Amino acid sequence: MADRKESVPVLDRFVARLEVSRTYPCPVVSILTFWAGLIALTVVDKVTGTTPVVASRLYAVAWALVVGLELGRDVWVQRHRYASPRWLQAVDAAVGHEVTVHALAALIRQHEHVLDYVVTRSDLRFEVQAERVRRREAARRAEGFRLVEAPVIDAAQVARDEERRRRARERRAARQGRAPA
């Protein structure tokens, strides 16, 4: 595995990791992010009394760069739709052999009746994400409390606890000068 990971070029691993990641490499561009920056610049303008010209220009350039990166990623994925052997090796090196194998096995199970199915990058991306979610859930479940491992409740102990609580209520009522409930 170590020699396989080292034999895959770093740029290939980077591209594969970007493509199979759940989110974009940079913050999601939306109207809200654009408006948040404009509001911040307006607040700075009102508080200081000066227009932040340099900050406004840097903000516009940074926002355009983020939009360009996201659009570039989408165009790249559309142009390179099918998973090549080189890309599969890069995914294997980027996310790990076991995750890749399980994702490919899930694709095989889904498309076992389609004889001419060809693995697409988007299908493998969704399966890698689903496999990661399954692994996270399994890890959380392993930390959790299993019902089968629940402590055995001793009926005699429960009765003793109830009796102790009843006596405590009676003592409390006696101290307060009223009849026990």
N, C-alpha and C. Protein backbone atom coordinates (compact mmCIF):
# COMPACT_ATOMS: atom_id res chain seq x y z
N MET A 1 0.82 -1.20 0.00
CA MET A 1 0.00 0.00 0.00
C MET A 1 0.86 1.25 0.00
N ALA A 2 1.95 1.25 0.74
CA ALA A 2 2.81 2.44 0.81
C ALA A 2 3.39 2.76 -0.55
N ASP A 3 3.84 1.72 -1.28
CA ASP A 3 4.42 2.00 -2.59
C ASP A 3 3.34 2.43 -3.58
N ARG A 4 2.12 1.95 -3.42
CA ARG A 4 1.04 2.36 -4.31
C ARG A 4 0.73 3.84 -4.10
N LYS A 5 0.68 4.27 -2.83
CA LYS A 5 0.36 5.66 -2.53
C LYS A 5 1.46 6.59 -3.04
N GLU A 6 2.71 6.16 -2.91
CA GLU A 6 3.82 7.00 -3.35
C GLU A 6 3.93 7.03 -4.87
N SER A 7 3.44 5.99 -5.55
CA SER A 7 3.57 5.96 -7.01
C SER A 7 2.52 6.83 -7.70
N VAL A 8 1.46 7.21 -6.99
CA VAL A 8 0.44 8.07 -7.57
C VAL A 8 0.89 9.52 -7.40
N PRO A 9 0.89 10.29 -8.49
CA PRO A 9 1.32 11.69 -8.39
C PRO A 9 0.44 12.49 -7.41
N VAL A 10 1.07 13.45 -6.77
CA VAL A 10 0.39 14.25 -5.76
C VAL A 10 -0.79 15.01 -6.37
N LEU A 11 -0.62 15.53 -7.57
CA LEU A 11 -1.70 16.27 -8.22
C LEU A 11 -2.91 15.36 -8.49
N ASP A 12 -2.65 14.12 -8.89
CA ASP A 12 -3.75 13.17 -9.11
C ASP A 12 -4.50 12.90 -7.82
N ARG A 13 -3.75 12.71 -6.73
CA ARG A 13 -4.40 12.48 -5.43
C ARG A 13 -5.21 13.69 -5.01
N PHE A 14 -4.66 14.89 -5.25
CA PHE A 14 -5.35 16.12 -4.89
C PHE A 14 -6.65 16.26 -5.66
N VAL A 15 -6.60 16.02 -6.98
CA VAL A 15 -7.80 16.12 -7.80
C VAL A 15 -8.83 15.08 -7.37
N ALA A 16 -8.39 13.86 -7.10
CA ALA A 16 -9.31 12.80 -6.67
C ALA A 16 -9.94 13.16 -5.33
N ARG A 17 -9.14 13.69 -4.41
CA ARG A 17 -9.69 14.05 -3.10
C ARG A 17 -10.71 15.18 -3.24
N LEU A 18 -10.44 16.15 -4.10
CA LEU A 18 -11.41 17.22 -4.32
C LEU A 18 -12.70 16.68 -4.90
N GLU A 19 -12.58 15.72 -5.82
CA GLU A 19 -13.78 15.21 -6.48
C GLU A 19 -14.61 14.32 -5.57
N VAL A 20 -14.00 13.57 -4.68
CA VAL A 20 -14.78 12.67 -3.82
C VAL A 20 -15.12 13.30 -2.48
N SER A 21 -14.65 14.52 -2.24
CA SER A 21 -14.99 15.17 -0.97
C SER A 21 -16.47 15.51 -0.96
N ARG A 22 -17.02 15.58 0.23
CA ARG A 22 -18.45 15.83 0.34
C ARG A 22 -18.79 17.26 -0.03
N THR A 23 -17.91 18.17 0.30
CA THR A 23 -18.19 19.57 0.02
C THR A 23 -17.11 20.12 -0.90
N TYR A 24 -17.33 21.30 -1.34
CA TYR A 24 -16.35 21.96 -2.18
C TYR A 24 -15.10 22.26 -1.37
N PRO A 25 -13.96 22.42 -2.04
CA PRO A 25 -12.73 22.72 -1.30
C PRO A 25 -12.77 24.07 -0.62
N CYS A 26 -13.64 24.95 -1.06
CA CYS A 26 -13.76 26.25 -0.43
C CYS A 26 -15.23 26.44 -0.01
N PRO A 27 -15.52 27.48 0.74
CA PRO A 27 -16.90 27.68 1.21
C PRO A 27 -17.89 27.74 0.05
N VAL A 28 -19.07 27.27 0.30
CA VAL A 28 -20.10 27.27 -0.73
C VAL A 28 -20.46 28.71 -1.05
N VAL A 29 -20.42 29.03 -2.33
CA VAL A 29 -20.74 30.38 -2.75
C VAL A 29 -22.24 30.50 -2.87
N SER A 30 -22.78 31.48 -2.24
CA SER A 30 -24.21 31.74 -2.35
C SER A 30 -24.41 33.23 -2.20
N ILE A 31 -25.63 33.62 -2.39
CA ILE A 31 -25.96 35.03 -2.21
C ILE A 31 -25.70 35.44 -0.76
N LEU A 32 -25.94 34.50 0.17
CA LEU A 32 -25.73 34.83 1.59
C LEU A 32 -24.28 35.16 1.89
N THR A 33 -23.34 34.40 1.32
CA THR A 33 -21.93 34.70 1.60
C THR A 33 -21.54 36.04 0.97
N PHE A 34 -22.09 36.31 -0.18
CA PHE A 34 -21.79 37.58 -0.83
C PHE A 34 -22.35 38.73 0.02
N TRP A 35 -23.60 38.60 0.46
CA TRP A 35 -24.22 39.65 1.26
C TRP A 35 -23.55 39.81 2.61
N ALA A 36 -23.08 38.72 3.18
CA ALA A 36 -22.40 38.81 4.48
C ALA A 36 -21.16 39.70 4.38
N GLY A 37 -20.39 39.53 3.31
CA GLY A 37 -19.21 40.37 3.11
C GLY A 37 -19.58 41.82 2.88
N LEU A 38 -20.62 42.04 2.09
CA LEU A 38 -21.05 43.42 1.85
C LEU A 38 -21.53 44.09 3.13
N ILE A 39 -22.24 43.35 3.95
CA ILE A 39 -22.71 43.90 5.22
C ILE A 39 -21.52 44.23 6.12
N ALA A 40 -20.54 43.35 6.17
CA ALA A 40 -19.35 43.60 6.99
C ALA A 40 -18.62 44.85 6.50
N LEU A 41 -18.47 44.99 5.20
CA LEU A 41 -17.79 46.18 4.67
C LEU A 41 -18.59 47.44 4.96
N THR A 42 -19.91 47.37 4.90
CA THR A 42 -20.75 48.52 5.20
C THR A 42 -20.64 48.90 6.67
N VAL A 43 -20.60 47.91 7.55
CA VAL A 43 -20.45 48.19 8.98
C VAL A 43 -19.12 48.86 9.25
N VAL A 44 -18.05 48.37 8.62
CA VAL A 44 -16.73 48.99 8.78
C VAL A 44 -16.78 50.43 8.30
N ASP A 45 -17.47 50.67 7.19
CA ASP A 45 -17.60 52.02 6.64
C ASP A 45 -18.32 52.93 7.63
N LYS A 46 -19.41 52.45 8.21
CA LYS A 46 -20.20 53.27 9.14
C LYS A 46 -19.46 53.50 10.46
N VAL A 47 -18.76 52.48 10.96
CA VAL A 47 -18.08 52.60 12.25
C VAL A 47 -16.87 53.52 12.14
N THR A 48 -16.06 53.33 11.10
CA THR A 48 -14.82 54.11 10.98
C THR A 48 -15.02 55.43 10.26
N GLY A 49 -16.05 55.53 9.46
CA GLY A 49 -16.29 56.76 8.72
C GLY A 49 -15.50 56.85 7.43
N THR A 50 -14.71 55.83 7.11
CA THR A 50 -13.96 55.82 5.86
C THR A 50 -14.36 54.60 5.04
N THR A 51 -14.32 54.75 3.75
CA THR A 51 -14.67 53.64 2.87
C THR A 51 -13.49 52.70 2.75
N PRO A 52 -13.66 51.42 3.06
CA PRO A 52 -12.56 50.45 2.96
C PRO A 52 -12.36 50.01 1.50
N VAL A 53 -11.68 50.83 0.72
CA VAL A 53 -11.52 50.58 -0.71
C VAL A 53 -10.68 49.32 -0.95
N VAL A 54 -9.56 49.22 -0.27
CA VAL A 54 -8.68 48.07 -0.47
C VAL A 54 -9.38 46.78 -0.05
N ALA A 55 -10.05 46.83 1.10
CA ALA A 55 -10.77 45.64 1.57
C ALA A 55 -11.89 45.26 0.60
N SER A 56 -12.57 46.25 0.04
CA SER A 56 -13.64 45.97 -0.92
C SER A 56 -13.09 45.29 -2.16
N ARG A 57 -11.97 45.78 -2.65
CA ARG A 57 -11.37 45.17 -3.84
C ARG A 57 -10.86 43.76 -3.55
N LEU A 58 -10.21 43.58 -2.40
CA LEU A 58 -9.75 42.24 -2.03
C LEU A 58 -10.93 41.28 -1.86
N TYR A 59 -12.02 41.76 -1.29
CA TYR A 59 -13.20 40.92 -1.13
C TYR A 59 -13.76 40.51 -2.49
N ALA A 60 -13.84 41.45 -3.41
CA ALA A 60 -14.36 41.13 -4.75
C ALA A 60 -13.46 40.11 -5.45
N VAL A 61 -12.15 40.27 -5.33
CA VAL A 61 -11.21 39.33 -5.97
C VAL A 61 -11.33 37.95 -5.32
N ALA A 62 -11.39 37.90 -3.99
CA ALA A 62 -11.50 36.62 -3.30
C ALA A 62 -12.81 35.92 -3.65
N TRP A 63 -13.89 36.67 -3.72
CA TRP A 63 -15.19 36.07 -4.06
C TRP A 63 -15.17 35.55 -5.50
N ALA A 64 -14.59 36.31 -6.41
CA ALA A 64 -14.48 35.86 -7.80
C ALA A 64 -13.61 34.61 -7.89
N LEU A 65 -12.55 34.54 -7.11
CA LEU A 65 -11.68 33.36 -7.11
C LEU A 65 -12.43 32.12 -6.61
N VAL A 66 -13.21 32.28 -5.56
CA VAL A 66 -13.98 31.16 -5.03
C VAL A 66 -15.02 30.69 -6.05
N VAL A 67 -15.72 31.63 -6.66
CA VAL A 67 -16.70 31.28 -7.70
C VAL A 67 -16.00 30.57 -8.85
N GLY A 68 -14.84 31.08 -9.26
CA GLY A 68 -14.10 30.45 -10.35
C GLY A 68 -13.66 29.03 -10.02
N LEU A 69 -13.20 28.81 -8.78
CA LEU A 69 -12.80 27.46 -8.37
C LEU A 69 -13.98 26.49 -8.40
N GLU A 70 -15.12 26.93 -7.91
CA GLU A 70 -16.28 26.04 -7.90
C GLU A 70 -16.78 25.75 -9.31
N LEU A 71 -16.83 26.77 -10.14
CA LEU A 71 -17.25 26.54 -11.53
C LEU A 71 -16.24 25.67 -12.26
N GLY A 72 -14.96 25.90 -12.00
CA GLY A 72 -13.92 25.08 -12.63
C GLY A 72 -14.04 23.62 -12.22
N ARG A 73 -14.34 23.38 -10.96
CA ARG A 73 -14.51 21.99 -10.50
C ARG A 73 -15.69 21.34 -11.21
N ASP A 74 -16.80 22.07 -11.32
CA ASP A 74 -17.97 21.51 -11.99
C ASP A 74 -17.70 21.22 -13.46
N VAL A 75 -17.01 22.12 -14.14
CA VAL A 75 -16.68 21.90 -15.55
C VAL A 75 -15.74 20.72 -15.69
N TRP A 76 -14.77 20.61 -14.80
CA TRP A 76 -13.81 19.50 -14.85
C TRP A 76 -14.53 18.16 -14.71
N VAL A 77 -15.45 18.09 -13.75
CA VAL A 77 -16.18 16.83 -13.52
C VAL A 77 -17.07 16.51 -14.71
N GLN A 78 -17.66 17.52 -15.33
CA GLN A 78 -18.51 17.26 -16.50
C GLN A 78 -17.69 16.80 -17.70
N ARG A 79 -16.51 17.35 -17.87
CA ARG A 79 -15.67 16.96 -19.01
C ARG A 79 -15.05 15.59 -18.84
N HIS A 80 -14.75 15.20 -17.61
CA HIS A 80 -14.14 13.91 -17.33
C HIS A 80 -15.16 13.07 -16.56
N ARG A 81 -16.16 12.59 -17.25
CA ARG A 81 -17.30 11.94 -16.60
C ARG A 81 -16.98 10.53 -16.10
N TYR A 82 -16.26 9.76 -16.87
CA TYR A 82 -16.05 8.35 -16.52
C TYR A 82 -14.75 8.17 -15.75
N ALA A 83 -14.75 7.17 -14.89
CA ALA A 83 -13.60 6.90 -14.02
C ALA A 83 -12.54 6.12 -14.80
N SER A 84 -11.39 6.74 -14.98
CA SER A 84 -10.28 6.07 -15.66
C SER A 84 -9.48 5.26 -14.64
N PRO A 85 -8.68 4.30 -15.10
CA PRO A 85 -7.84 3.55 -14.16
C PRO A 85 -6.90 4.45 -13.36
N ARG A 86 -6.39 5.49 -14.00
CA ARG A 86 -5.50 6.42 -13.30
C ARG A 86 -6.26 7.14 -12.19
N TRP A 87 -7.49 7.55 -12.48
CA TRP A 87 -8.30 8.24 -11.49
C TRP A 87 -8.66 7.30 -10.35
N LEU A 88 -8.97 6.05 -10.67
CA LEU A 88 -9.29 5.07 -9.62
C LEU A 88 -8.08 4.84 -8.70
N GLN A 89 -6.89 4.80 -9.28
CA GLN A 89 -5.68 4.67 -8.45
C GLN A 89 -5.51 5.89 -7.55
N ALA A 90 -5.81 7.06 -8.10
CA ALA A 90 -5.69 8.28 -7.30
C ALA A 90 -6.71 8.30 -6.16
N VAL A 91 -7.93 7.85 -6.44
CA VAL A 91 -8.95 7.77 -5.38
C VAL A 91 -8.51 6.77 -4.32
N ASP A 92 -7.97 5.64 -4.77
CA ASP A 92 -7.49 4.62 -3.85
C ASP A 92 -6.41 5.21 -2.94
N ALA A 93 -5.50 5.98 -3.50
CA ALA A 93 -4.43 6.58 -2.71
C ALA A 93 -4.96 7.71 -1.82
N ALA A 94 -6.00 8.41 -2.28
CA ALA A 94 -6.49 9.56 -1.53
C ALA A 94 -7.38 9.16 -0.35
N VAL A 95 -8.27 8.20 -0.55
CA VAL A 95 -9.22 7.87 0.52
C VAL A 95 -8.93 6.56 1.21
N GLY A 96 -8.04 5.76 0.66
CA GLY A 96 -7.70 4.49 1.28
C GLY A 96 -8.26 3.32 0.49
N HIS A 97 -7.52 2.23 0.53
CA HIS A 97 -7.87 1.05 -0.26
C HIS A 97 -9.18 0.42 0.20
N GLU A 98 -9.36 0.33 1.50
CA GLU A 98 -10.55 -0.34 2.02
C GLU A 98 -11.83 0.43 1.67
N VAL A 99 -11.81 1.75 1.78
CA VAL A 99 -12.98 2.56 1.43
C VAL A 99 -13.28 2.42 -0.05
N THR A 100 -12.24 2.46 -0.88
CA THR A 100 -12.44 2.35 -2.33
C THR A 100 -13.03 0.99 -2.69
N VAL A 101 -12.50 -0.06 -2.11
CA VAL A 101 -13.00 -1.40 -2.42
C VAL A 101 -14.46 -1.55 -2.01
N HIS A 102 -14.82 -1.06 -0.83
CA HIS A 102 -16.21 -1.16 -0.38
C HIS A 102 -17.14 -0.32 -1.26
N ALA A 103 -16.67 0.86 -1.70
CA ALA A 103 -17.49 1.69 -2.58
C ALA A 103 -17.70 1.01 -3.93
N LEU A 104 -16.64 0.42 -4.48
CA LEU A 104 -16.77 -0.29 -5.76
C LEU A 104 -17.66 -1.53 -5.60
N ALA A 105 -17.57 -2.21 -4.48
CA ALA A 105 -18.44 -3.37 -4.24
C ALA A 105 -19.90 -2.95 -4.17
N ALA A 106 -20.17 -1.81 -3.56
CA ALA A 106 -21.55 -1.31 -3.51
C ALA A 106 -22.05 -0.98 -4.92
N LEU A 107 -21.18 -0.40 -5.75
CA LEU A 107 -21.57 -0.11 -7.14
C LEU A 107 -21.84 -1.40 -7.91
N ILE A 108 -21.03 -2.42 -7.67
CA ILE A 108 -21.24 -3.71 -8.34
C ILE A 108 -22.59 -4.29 -7.92
N ARG A 109 -22.93 -4.21 -6.64
CA ARG A 109 -24.22 -4.73 -6.17
C ARG A 109 -25.38 -3.94 -6.77
N GLN A 110 -25.23 -2.63 -6.90
CA GLN A 110 -26.31 -1.81 -7.45
C GLN A 110 -26.54 -2.08 -8.93
N HIS A 111 -25.46 -2.32 -9.67
CA HIS A 111 -25.57 -2.42 -11.13
C HIS A 111 -25.25 -3.82 -11.63
N GLU A 112 -25.53 -4.83 -10.83
CA GLU A 112 -25.17 -6.19 -11.24
C GLU A 112 -25.97 -6.68 -12.44
N HIS A 113 -27.15 -6.10 -12.69
CA HIS A 113 -27.97 -6.55 -13.82
C HIS A 113 -27.76 -5.69 -15.06
N VAL A 114 -26.97 -4.65 -14.96
CA VAL A 114 -26.67 -3.80 -16.11
C VAL A 114 -25.34 -4.25 -16.68
N LEU A 115 -25.40 -4.89 -17.83
CA LEU A 115 -24.19 -5.50 -18.38
C LEU A 115 -23.20 -4.48 -18.93
N ASP A 116 -23.69 -3.35 -19.44
CA ASP A 116 -22.78 -2.38 -20.04
C ASP A 116 -22.53 -1.17 -19.14
N TYR A 117 -22.66 -1.35 -17.83
CA TYR A 117 -22.43 -0.25 -16.90
C TYR A 117 -20.96 0.12 -16.85
N VAL A 118 -20.68 1.41 -16.89
CA VAL A 118 -19.33 1.94 -16.77
C VAL A 118 -19.32 2.86 -15.55
N VAL A 119 -18.33 2.71 -14.71
CA VAL A 119 -18.25 3.50 -13.47
C VAL A 119 -18.04 4.97 -13.82
N THR A 120 -18.91 5.80 -13.29
CA THR A 120 -18.73 7.24 -13.47
C THR A 120 -18.12 7.82 -12.20
N ARG A 121 -17.50 8.96 -12.36
CA ARG A 121 -16.86 9.60 -11.21
C ARG A 121 -17.90 10.00 -10.17
N SER A 122 -19.05 10.49 -10.64
CA SER A 122 -20.07 10.93 -9.67
C SER A 122 -20.63 9.74 -8.89
N ASP A 123 -20.84 8.59 -9.56
CA ASP A 123 -21.33 7.40 -8.84
C ASP A 123 -20.33 6.97 -7.77
N LEU A 124 -19.07 6.92 -8.14
CA LEU A 124 -18.06 6.50 -7.16
C LEU A 124 -17.93 7.53 -6.05
N ARG A 125 -18.06 8.81 -6.39
CA ARG A 125 -18.00 9.85 -5.38
C ARG A 125 -19.11 9.67 -4.35
N PHE A 126 -20.33 9.43 -4.82
CA PHE A 126 -21.44 9.24 -3.88
C PHE A 126 -21.25 7.99 -3.04
N GLU A 127 -20.72 6.94 -3.62
CA GLU A 127 -20.50 5.70 -2.86
C GLU A 127 -19.38 5.87 -1.83
N VAL A 128 -18.33 6.62 -2.18
CA VAL A 128 -17.25 6.88 -1.21
C VAL A 128 -17.81 7.68 -0.03
N GLN A 129 -18.64 8.68 -0.33
CA GLN A 129 -19.24 9.47 0.74
C GLN A 129 -20.15 8.61 1.61
N ALA A 130 -20.94 7.73 0.98
CA ALA A 130 -21.83 6.85 1.75
C ALA A 130 -21.02 5.88 2.61
N GLU A 131 -19.92 5.37 2.08
CA GLU A 131 -19.07 4.46 2.85
C GLU A 131 -18.46 5.17 4.05
N ARG A 132 -18.05 6.42 3.85
CA ARG A 132 -17.51 7.18 4.98
C ARG A 132 -18.56 7.40 6.05
N VAL A 133 -19.79 7.69 5.63
CA VAL A 133 -20.88 7.88 6.59
C VAL A 133 -21.15 6.58 7.34
N ARG A 134 -21.16 5.44 6.62
CA ARG A 134 -21.38 4.15 7.28
C ARG A 134 -20.28 3.88 8.31
N ARG A 135 -19.05 4.20 7.98
CA ARG A 135 -17.94 3.96 8.91
C ARG A 135 -18.04 4.87 10.14
N ARG A 136 -18.41 6.13 9.92
CA ARG A 136 -18.59 7.04 11.05
C ARG A 136 -19.71 6.56 11.97
N GLU A 137 -20.81 6.13 11.38
CA GLU A 137 -21.93 5.62 12.17
C GLU A 137 -21.54 4.36 12.94
N ALA A 138 -20.77 3.49 12.30
CA ALA A 138 -20.33 2.26 12.98
C ALA A 138 -19.42 2.61 14.16
N ALA A 139 -18.56 3.61 13.98
CA ALA A 139 -17.68 4.03 15.08
C ALA A 139 -18.50 4.62 16.23
N ARG A 140 -19.49 5.44 15.89
CA ARG A 140 -20.35 6.01 16.94
C ARG A 140 -21.15 4.92 17.64
N ARG A 141 -21.66 3.98 16.85
CA ARG A 141 -22.43 2.89 17.42
C ARG A 141 -21.57 2.05 18.36
N ALA A 142 -20.30 1.86 18.00
CA ALA A 142 -19.40 1.07 18.84
C ALA A 142 -19.15 1.76 20.18
N GLU A 143 -19.18 3.09 20.19
CA GLU A 143 -18.99 3.82 21.44
C GLU A 143 -20.24 3.82 22.30
N GLY A 144 -21.38 3.57 21.68
CA GLY A 144 -22.67 3.68 22.37
C GLY A 144 -22.95 2.53 23.31
N PHE A 145 -24.14 2.56 23.84
CA PHE A 145 -24.59 1.60 24.84
C PHE A 145 -25.50 0.59 24.16
N ARG A 146 -25.12 -0.66 24.17
CA ARG A 146 -25.94 -1.69 23.54
C ARG A 146 -26.96 -2.21 24.54
N LEU A 147 -28.14 -2.47 24.03
CA LEU A 147 -29.20 -2.96 24.89
C LEU A 147 -28.88 -4.35 25.43
N VAL A 148 -28.19 -5.16 24.64
CA VAL A 148 -27.85 -6.51 25.07
C VAL A 148 -26.85 -6.46 26.22
N GLU A 149 -26.03 -5.43 26.24
CA GLU A 149 -25.03 -5.31 27.28
C GLU A 149 -25.54 -4.53 28.49
N ALA A 150 -26.84 -4.23 28.50
CA ALA A 150 -27.40 -3.44 29.59
C ALA A 150 -27.25 -4.21 30.91
N PRO A 151 -27.03 -3.49 31.98
CA PRO A 151 -26.87 -4.18 33.27
C PRO A 151 -28.17 -4.90 33.64
N VAL A 152 -28.03 -6.04 34.27
CA VAL A 152 -29.19 -6.81 34.70
C VAL A 152 -29.79 -6.12 35.91
N ILE A 153 -31.08 -5.87 35.82
CA ILE A 153 -31.76 -5.18 36.91
C ILE A 153 -32.22 -6.22 37.92
N ASP A 154 -31.78 -6.03 39.14
CA ASP A 154 -32.13 -6.95 40.23
C ASP A 154 -33.42 -6.46 40.87
N ALA A 155 -34.47 -7.28 40.82
CA ALA A 155 -35.78 -6.89 41.35
C ALA A 155 -35.70 -6.62 42.85
N ALA A 156 -34.92 -7.40 43.57
CA ALA A 156 -34.78 -7.20 45.01
C ALA A 156 -34.14 -5.85 45.31
N GLN A 157 -33.14 -5.47 44.51
CA GLN A 157 -32.48 -4.18 44.70
C GLN A 157 -33.45 -3.04 44.41
N VAL A 158 -34.28 -3.20 43.37
CA VAL A 158 -35.27 -2.17 43.05
C VAL A 158 -36.24 -2.01 44.22
N ALA A 159 -36.68 -3.14 44.80
CA ALA A 159 -37.60 -3.08 45.95
C ALA A 159 -36.94 -2.39 47.14
N ARG A 160 -35.66 -2.70 47.41
CA ARG A 160 -34.94 -2.04 48.52
C ARG A 160 -34.82 -0.54 48.27
N ASP A 161 -34.53 -0.16 47.02
CA ASP A 161 -34.42 1.27 46.69
C ASP A 161 -35.75 1.98 46.89
N GLU A 162 -36.85 1.35 46.47
CA GLU A 162 -38.17 1.95 46.65
C GLU A 162 -38.49 2.11 48.15
N GLU A 163 -38.15 1.11 48.93
CA GLU A 163 -38.39 1.17 50.37
C GLU A 163 -37.57 2.29 51.00
N ARG A 164 -36.33 2.44 50.59
CA ARG A 164 -35.47 3.50 51.11
C ARG A 164 -36.04 4.87 50.75
N ARG A 165 -36.53 5.03 49.53
CA ARG A 165 -37.13 6.31 49.11
C ARG A 165 -38.41 6.60 49.91
N ARG A 166 -39.22 5.55 50.16
CA ARG A 166 -40.45 5.73 50.92
C ARG A 166 -40.14 6.20 52.34
N ARG A 167 -39.15 5.58 52.98
CA ARG A 167 -38.77 5.99 54.34
C ARG A 167 -38.23 7.42 54.35
N ALA A 168 -37.47 7.79 53.32
CA ALA A 168 -36.94 9.16 53.25
C ALA A 168 -38.08 10.16 53.10
N ARG A 169 -39.11 9.82 52.31
CA ARG A 169 -40.27 10.71 52.18
C ARG A 169 -41.00 10.85 53.51
N GLU A 170 -41.14 9.73 54.24
CA GLU A 170 -41.81 9.78 55.54
C GLU A 170 -41.04 10.65 56.53
N ARG A 171 -39.73 10.50 56.56
CA ARG A 171 -38.91 11.32 57.47
C ARG A 171 -39.03 12.81 57.11
N ARG A 172 -38.99 13.10 55.83
CA ARG A 172 -39.12 14.49 55.39
C ARG A 172 -40.47 15.06 55.79
N ALA A 173 -41.52 14.26 55.61
CA ALA A 173 -42.87 14.72 55.98
C ALA A 173 -42.97 14.91 57.49
N ALA A 174 -42.34 14.02 58.28
CA ALA A 174 -42.39 14.14 59.74
C ALA A 174 -41.66 15.40 60.19
N ARG A 175 -40.55 15.72 59.56
CA ARG A 175 -39.82 16.95 59.92
C ARG A 175 -40.63 18.19 59.61
N GLN A 176 -41.40 18.14 58.55
CA GLN A 176 -42.19 19.31 58.17
C GLN A 176 -43.52 19.36 58.91
N GLY A 177 -43.81 18.31 59.69
CA GLY A 177 -45.01 18.30 60.53
C GLY A 177 -46.28 17.99 59.79
N ARG A 178 -46.23 17.18 58.79
CA ARG A 178 -47.45 16.78 58.10
C ARG A 178 -47.48 15.27 57.97
N ALA A 179 -48.60 14.77 57.62
CA ALA A 179 -48.77 13.32 57.51
C ALA A 179 -48.08 12.82 56.25
N PRO A 180 -47.53 11.59 56.29
CA PRO A 180 -46.88 11.05 55.09
C PRO A 180 -47.88 10.82 53.97
N ALA A 181 -47.42 11.01 52.75
CA ALA A 181 -48.31 10.89 51.59
C ALA A 181 -48.53 9.46 51.20
